[in-house]
């Protein structure tokens, strides 16, 4: 399978507010670091992994979707998966109380739900005990569903992860620690591997 990853958002000024209130964590930088390491580790283990947005700039959503769908057209949608990696936020520049990890898929039952479920399992396993795992169980599975363009518009199994809150002091301290970075990378590496084990060729 072709394993595609992107980091959410891009270089300021377009997304300059997407950072911790103290400026120590900038989402576009942090998530690119995570994506690079996820791809590196998967490749080292023999998987065909790639970053679809290597640029630092804020690539428009339509272009992001097109890059994923080009692989789907080339290899077949069943042979591609896609994860968009983000940090969450509860406010607009101040420290907030919301914490935790969650994943989003498009509306309805899709292959993306199965991918998200594998990532949820990994989040429960690798994040510290007591970390909130944010879910929506109304349709029988844990992922949250919405109208997010990069998961709605892509043809393959796709989900978007929100890896803790960049405006919560406790989450930011953990994300910036070696242990936190390791956990977030491992969630994506092991979650994707489990998906391939269950649903890949």
C-alpha atoms as a PDB file:
ATOM      1  CA  UNK A   1       0.000   0.000   0.000  1.00  0.00           C
ATOM      2  CA  UNK A   2       0.979   3.598  -0.549  1.00  0.00           C
ATOM      3  CA  UNK A   3       1.007   5.424   2.794  1.00  0.00           C
ATOM      4  CA  UNK A   4       0.510   9.174   2.458  1.00  0.00           C
ATOM      5  CA  UNK A   5       0.905  11.759   5.203  1.00  0.00           C
ATOM      6  CA  UNK A   6       0.639  15.518   5.324  1.00  0.00           C
ATOM      7  CA  UNK A   7       1.226  18.134   7.992  1.00  0.00           C
ATOM      8  CA  UNK A   8      -1.674  20.453   8.619  1.00  0.00           C
ATOM      9  CA  UNK A   9      -1.365  24.090   7.568  1.00  0.00           C
ATOM     10  CA  UNK A  10       1.724  25.981   6.506  1.00  0.00           C
ATOM     11  CA  UNK A  11       4.140  28.794   7.082  1.00  0.00           C
ATOM     12  CA  UNK A  12       2.791  32.114   8.434  1.00  0.00           C
ATOM     13  CA  UNK A  13       1.534  34.721   7.778  1.00  0.00           C
ATOM     14  CA  UNK A  14      -1.450  32.756   6.454  1.00  0.00           C
ATOM     15  CA  UNK A  15      -1.634  30.570   9.561  1.00  0.00           C
ATOM     16  CA  UNK A  16       0.352  32.640  12.015  1.00  0.00           C
ATOM     17  CA  UNK A  17      -2.160  32.143  14.814  1.00  0.00           C
ATOM     18  CA  UNK A  18      -1.866  28.358  14.783  1.00  0.00           C
ATOM     19  CA  UNK A  19       0.613  28.082  17.614  1.00  0.00           C
ATOM     20  CA  UNK A  20       0.813  27.915  21.391  1.00  0.00           C
ATOM     21  CA  UNK A  21       0.054  31.220  23.150  1.00  0.00           C
ATOM     22  CA  UNK A  22       3.709  31.516  24.185  1.00  0.00           C
ATOM     23  CA  UNK A  23       4.905  30.786  20.614  1.00  0.00           C
ATOM     24  CA  UNK A  24       7.014  27.765  21.637  1.00  0.00           C
ATOM     25  CA  UNK A  25       4.999  25.367  19.477  1.00  0.00           C
ATOM     26  CA  UNK A  26       4.086  26.316  15.922  1.00  0.00           C
ATOM     27  CA  UNK A  27       1.701  23.821  14.360  1.00  0.00           C
ATOM     28  CA  UNK A  28       3.123  23.918  10.835  1.00  0.00           C
ATOM     29  CA  UNK A  29       6.667  23.278  12.133  1.00  0.00           C
ATOM     30  CA  UNK A  30       5.785  20.667  14.746  1.00  0.00           C
ATOM     31  CA  UNK A  31       3.538  18.601  12.496  1.00  0.00           C
ATOM     32  CA  UNK A  32       6.093  18.611   9.677  1.00  0.00           C
ATOM     33  CA  UNK A  33       8.668  17.246  12.096  1.00  0.00           C
ATOM     34  CA  UNK A  34       6.243  14.500  13.119  1.00  0.00           C
ATOM     35  CA  UNK A  35       5.385  13.638   9.501  1.00  0.00           C
ATOM     36  CA  UNK A  36       9.040  13.445   8.483  1.00  0.00           C
ATOM     37  CA  UNK A  37       9.810  11.035  11.308  1.00  0.00           C
ATOM     38  CA  UNK A  38       6.708   8.899  10.676  1.00  0.00           C
ATOM     39  CA  UNK A  39       7.655   8.560   7.013  1.00  0.00           C
ATOM     40  CA  UNK A  40      11.307   7.844   7.854  1.00  0.00           C
ATOM     41  CA  UNK A  41      10.418   5.057  10.285  1.00  0.00           C
ATOM     42  CA  UNK A  42       7.890   3.419   8.004  1.00  0.00           C
ATOM     43  CA  UNK A  43      10.328   3.470   5.089  1.00  0.00           C
ATOM     44  CA  UNK A  44      13.009   1.939   7.317  1.00  0.00           C
ATOM     45  CA  UNK A  45      10.602  -0.923   7.993  1.00  0.00           C
ATOM     46  CA  UNK A  46       9.955  -1.489   4.291  1.00  0.00           C
ATOM     47  CA  UNK A  47       6.710   0.420   3.812  1.00  0.00           C
ATOM     48  CA  UNK A  48       6.026   2.740   0.866  1.00  0.00           C
ATOM     49  CA  UNK A  49       5.451   5.967   2.789  1.00  0.00           C
ATOM     50  CA  UNK A  50       5.543   9.541   1.516  1.00  0.00           C
ATOM     51  CA  UNK A  51       4.824  13.108   2.587  1.00  0.00           C
ATOM     52  CA  UNK A  52       2.396  14.764   0.166  1.00  0.00           C
ATOM     53  CA  UNK A  53       3.166  18.336   1.279  1.00  0.00           C
ATOM     54  CA  UNK A  54       6.941  18.708   1.637  1.00  0.00           C
ATOM     55  CA  UNK A  55       6.730  22.493   1.202  1.00  0.00           C
ATOM     56  CA  UNK A  56       6.601  24.822   4.216  1.00  0.00           C
ATOM     57  CA  UNK A  57       4.044  27.021   2.501  1.00  0.00           C
ATOM     58  CA  UNK A  58       0.310  26.781   3.119  1.00  0.00           C
ATOM     59  CA  UNK A  59      -0.712  24.660   0.112  1.00  0.00           C
ATOM     60  CA  UNK A  60      -4.373  25.117  -0.816  1.00  0.00           C
ATOM     61  CA  UNK A  61      -6.796  22.337   0.062  1.00  0.00           C
ATOM     62  CA  UNK A  62      -7.658  21.522  -3.552  1.00  0.00           C
ATOM     63  CA  UNK A  63      -4.003  20.883  -4.343  1.00  0.00           C
ATOM     64  CA  UNK A  64      -3.562  18.730  -1.246  1.00  0.00           C
ATOM     65  CA  UNK A  65      -6.537  16.601  -2.275  1.00  0.00           C
ATOM     66  CA  UNK A  66      -5.328  16.339  -5.872  1.00  0.00           C
ATOM     67  CA  UNK A  67      -1.944  15.018  -4.777  1.00  0.00           C
ATOM     68  CA  UNK A  68      -3.578  12.200  -2.807  1.00  0.00           C
ATOM     69  CA  UNK A  69      -6.108  11.370  -5.503  1.00  0.00           C
ATOM     70  CA  UNK A  70      -3.385  11.153  -8.137  1.00  0.00           C
ATOM     71  CA  UNK A  71      -1.978   8.191  -6.209  1.00  0.00           C
ATOM     72  CA  UNK A  72      -5.472   6.709  -5.882  1.00  0.00           C
ATOM     73  CA  UNK A  73      -5.943   6.946  -9.658  1.00  0.00           C
ATOM     74  CA  UNK A  74      -2.540   5.394 -10.275  1.00  0.00           C
ATOM     75  CA  UNK A  75      -2.685   2.530  -7.751  1.00  0.00           C
ATOM     76  CA  UNK A  76      -6.382   2.111  -6.958  1.00  0.00           C
ATOM     77  CA  UNK A  77      -8.067   3.672  -3.930  1.00  0.00           C
ATOM     78  CA  UNK A  78      -7.910   0.416  -1.946  1.00  0.00           C
ATOM     79  CA  UNK A  79      -4.133   0.507  -2.184  1.00  0.00           C
ATOM     80  CA  UNK A  80      -3.708   3.994  -0.685  1.00  0.00           C
ATOM     81  CA  UNK A  81      -4.266   5.489   2.751  1.00  0.00           C
ATOM     82  CA  UNK A  82      -3.928   9.082   3.886  1.00  0.00           C
ATOM     83  CA  UNK A  83      -3.480  10.774   7.260  1.00  0.00           C
ATOM     84  CA  UNK A  84      -3.456  14.532   7.817  1.00  0.00           C
ATOM     85  CA  UNK A  85      -1.609  15.348  11.055  1.00  0.00           C
ATOM     86  CA  UNK A  86      -2.602  18.393  13.119  1.00  0.00           C
ATOM     87  CA  UNK A  87      -2.576  19.919  16.597  1.00  0.00           C
ATOM     88  CA  UNK A  88      -5.875  20.953  18.138  1.00  0.00           C
ATOM     89  CA  UNK A  89      -6.900  24.291  19.683  1.00  0.00           C
ATOM     90  CA  UNK A  90      -9.842  25.372  21.813  1.00  0.00           C
ATOM     91  CA  UNK A  91      -9.497  29.143  21.600  1.00  0.00           C
ATOM     92  CA  UNK A  92      -7.953  32.052  19.736  1.00  0.00           C
ATOM     93  CA  UNK A  93      -4.654  32.820  21.391  1.00  0.00           C
ATOM     94  CA  UNK A  94      -5.166  32.282  25.129  1.00  0.00           C
ATOM     95  CA  UNK A  95      -4.381  29.272  27.296  1.00  0.00           C
ATOM     96  CA  UNK A  96      -7.414  26.981  27.506  1.00  0.00           C
ATOM     97  CA  UNK A  97      -8.474  23.933  29.521  1.00  0.00           C
ATOM     98  CA  UNK A  98      -9.397  21.467  26.735  1.00  0.00           C
ATOM     99  CA  UNK A  99      -6.966  18.571  26.332  1.00  0.00           C
ATOM    100  CA  UNK A 100      -6.615  15.302  24.486  1.00  0.00           C
ATOM    101  CA  UNK A 101      -6.340  13.348  21.245  1.00  0.00           C
ATOM    102  CA  UNK A 102      -8.944  12.709  18.537  1.00  0.00           C
ATOM    103  CA  UNK A 103      -9.363  11.668  14.909  1.00  0.00           C
ATOM    104  CA  UNK A 104     -11.809  12.883  12.268  1.00  0.00           C
ATOM    105  CA  UNK A 105     -13.250  11.143   9.235  1.00  0.00           C
ATOM    106  CA  UNK A 106     -15.832  12.062   6.612  1.00  0.00           C
ATOM    107  CA  UNK A 107     -19.515  11.488   7.322  1.00  0.00           C
ATOM    108  CA  UNK A 108     -20.961   7.987   7.073  1.00  0.00           C
ATOM    109  CA  UNK A 109     -19.325   4.591   7.366  1.00  0.00           C
ATOM    110  CA  UNK A 110     -16.159   4.564   5.251  1.00  0.00           C
ATOM    111  CA  UNK A 111     -12.811   2.830   5.173  1.00  0.00           C
ATOM    112  CA  UNK A 112     -11.509   5.912   6.922  1.00  0.00           C
ATOM    113  CA  UNK A 113     -13.445   4.866  10.021  1.00  0.00           C
ATOM    114  CA  UNK A 114     -11.403   1.647  10.144  1.00  0.00           C
ATOM    115  CA  UNK A 115      -8.162   3.587   9.744  1.00  0.00           C
ATOM    116  CA  UNK A 116      -9.183   5.978  12.523  1.00  0.00           C
ATOM    117  CA  UNK A 117     -10.070   3.056  14.773  1.00  0.00           C
ATOM    118  CA  UNK A 118      -6.563   1.618  14.415  1.00  0.00           C
ATOM    119  CA  UNK A 119      -5.105   5.026  15.260  1.00  0.00           C
ATOM    120  CA  UNK A 120      -7.407   5.313  18.292  1.00  0.00           C
ATOM    121  CA  UNK A 121      -6.133   1.945  19.531  1.00  0.00           C
ATOM    122  CA  UNK A 122      -2.570   3.197  19.192  1.00  0.00           C
ATOM    123  CA  UNK A 123      -3.378   6.485  20.956  1.00  0.00           C
ATOM    124  CA  UNK A 124      -4.842   4.620  23.918  1.00  0.00           C
ATOM    125  CA  UNK A 125      -1.742   2.417  24.050  1.00  0.00           C
ATOM    126  CA  UNK A 126       1.001   5.006  23.646  1.00  0.00           C
ATOM    127  CA  UNK A 127      -0.284   8.218  25.275  1.00  0.00           C
ATOM    128  CA  UNK A 128       0.148   8.566  29.049  1.00  0.00           C
ATOM    129  CA  UNK A 129      -2.570   7.076  31.202  1.00  0.00           C
ATOM    130  CA  UNK A 130      -5.192   9.720  31.905  1.00  0.00           C
ATOM    131  CA  UNK A 131      -4.761  11.569  28.603  1.00  0.00           C
ATOM    132  CA  UNK A 132      -8.282  12.342  27.347  1.00  0.00           C
ATOM    133  CA  UNK A 133      -9.193  10.329  24.254  1.00  0.00           C
ATOM    134  CA  UNK A 134     -11.908  12.407  22.628  1.00  0.00           C
ATOM    135  CA  UNK A 135     -14.573  10.367  20.849  1.00  0.00           C
ATOM    136  CA  UNK A 136     -18.040  10.475  19.318  1.00  0.00           C
ATOM    137  CA  UNK A 137     -19.775   7.133  19.808  1.00  0.00           C
ATOM    138  CA  UNK A 138     -23.143   8.082  18.287  1.00  0.00           C
ATOM    139  CA  UNK A 139     -22.564   5.956  15.169  1.00  0.00           C
ATOM    140  CA  UNK A 140     -20.936   3.041  16.974  1.00  0.00           C
ATOM    141  CA  UNK A 141     -17.264   3.918  16.526  1.00  0.00           C
ATOM    142  CA  UNK A 142     -14.913   6.372  18.180  1.00  0.00           C
ATOM    143  CA  UNK A 143     -13.966   8.757  15.382  1.00  0.00           C
ATOM    144  CA  UNK A 144     -15.500  12.175  15.014  1.00  0.00           C
ATOM    145  CA  UNK A 145     -17.141  12.859  11.664  1.00  0.00           C
ATOM    146  CA  UNK A 146     -17.326  16.130   9.800  1.00  0.00           C
ATOM    147  CA  UNK A 147     -17.062  17.918   6.499  1.00  0.00           C
ATOM    148  CA  UNK A 148     -13.285  18.389   6.501  1.00  0.00           C
ATOM    149  CA  UNK A 149     -12.134  18.863   2.922  1.00  0.00           C
ATOM    150  CA  UNK A 150      -9.007  16.687   2.944  1.00  0.00           C
ATOM    151  CA  UNK A 151     -10.866  13.639   4.235  1.00  0.00           C
ATOM    152  CA  UNK A 152     -14.089  14.303   2.356  1.00  0.00           C
ATOM    153  CA  UNK A 153     -12.392  14.915  -0.991  1.00  0.00           C
ATOM    154  CA  UNK A 154      -9.832  12.107  -1.020  1.00  0.00           C
ATOM    155  CA  UNK A 155     -10.774   8.778  -2.614  1.00  0.00           C
ATOM    156  CA  UNK A 156      -8.942   6.430  -0.242  1.00  0.00           C
ATOM    157  CA  UNK A 157      -9.135   5.538   3.448  1.00  0.00           C
ATOM    158  CA  UNK A 158      -8.447   8.905   5.052  1.00  0.00           C
ATOM    159  CA  UNK A 159      -8.548  10.578   8.422  1.00  0.00           C
ATOM    160  CA  UNK A 160      -7.272  13.680  10.180  1.00  0.00           C
ATOM    161  CA  UNK A 161      -5.648  13.423  13.598  1.00  0.00           C
ATOM    162  CA  UNK A 162      -5.672  16.185  16.198  1.00  0.00           C
ATOM    163  CA  UNK A 163      -2.665  15.450  18.372  1.00  0.00           C
ATOM    164  CA  UNK A 164      -3.332  17.233  21.658  1.00  0.00           C
ATOM    165  CA  UNK A 165      -4.066  20.924  22.207  1.00  0.00           C
ATOM    166  CA  UNK A 166      -1.523  23.598  21.370  1.00  0.00           C
ATOM    167  CA  UNK A 167      -3.327  26.038  23.700  1.00  0.00           C
ATOM    168  CA  UNK A 168      -3.257  23.807  26.787  1.00  0.00           C
ATOM    169  CA  UNK A 169      -0.153  24.189  28.967  1.00  0.00           C
ATOM    170  CA  UNK A 170      -0.004  20.533  29.988  1.00  0.00           C
ATOM    171  CA  UNK A 171      -0.478  19.234  26.445  1.00  0.00           C
ATOM    172  CA  UNK A 172       2.129  21.626  25.029  1.00  0.00           C
ATOM    173  CA  UNK A 173       4.714  20.652  27.633  1.00  0.00           C
ATOM    174  CA  UNK A 174       4.148  16.993  26.769  1.00  0.00           C
ATOM    175  CA  UNK A 175       4.149  17.533  22.985  1.00  0.00           C
ATOM    176  CA  UNK A 176       7.494  19.339  23.152  1.00  0.00           C
ATOM    177  CA  UNK A 177       9.115  16.700  25.358  1.00  0.00           C
ATOM    178  CA  UNK A 178      11.068  13.809  23.829  1.00  0.00           C
ATOM    179  CA  UNK A 179       8.485  11.429  25.302  1.00  0.00           C
ATOM    180  CA  UNK A 180       5.618  13.330  23.733  1.00  0.00           C
ATOM    181  CA  UNK A 181       7.169  13.501  20.289  1.00  0.00           C
ATOM    182  CA  UNK A 182       7.943   9.789  20.465  1.00  0.00           C
ATOM    183  CA  UNK A 183       4.372   8.929  21.445  1.00  0.00           C
ATOM    184  CA  UNK A 184       2.789  10.947  18.653  1.00  0.00           C
ATOM    185  CA  UNK A 185       5.116   9.479  16.044  1.00  0.00           C
ATOM    186  CA  UNK A 186       4.518   5.965  17.343  1.00  0.00           C
ATOM    187  CA  UNK A 187       0.730   6.389  17.295  1.00  0.00           C
ATOM    188  CA  UNK A 188       0.850   7.026  13.557  1.00  0.00           C
ATOM    189  CA  UNK A 189       3.469   4.400  12.718  1.00  0.00           C
ATOM    190  CA  UNK A 190       1.832   1.607  14.699  1.00  0.00           C
ATOM    191  CA  UNK A 191      -1.743   2.633  13.916  1.00  0.00           C
ATOM    192  CA  UNK A 192      -1.093   2.567  10.180  1.00  0.00           C
ATOM    193  CA  UNK A 193       0.761  -0.740  10.413  1.00  0.00           C
ATOM    194  CA  UNK A 194      -2.208  -2.260  12.233  1.00  0.00           C
ATOM    195  CA  UNK A 195      -4.576  -0.986   9.539  1.00  0.00           C
ATOM    196  CA  UNK A 196      -2.441  -2.616   6.846  1.00  0.00           C
ATOM    197  CA  UNK A 197      -2.339  -5.856   8.832  1.00  0.00           C
ATOM    198  CA  UNK A 198      -6.140  -5.923   9.083  1.00  0.00           C
ATOM    199  CA  UNK A 199      -7.266  -4.423   5.795  1.00  0.00           C
ATOM    200  CA  UNK A 200      -4.309  -4.208   3.396  1.00  0.00           C
ATOM    201  CA  UNK A 201      -3.321  -6.739   0.747  1.00  0.00           C
END
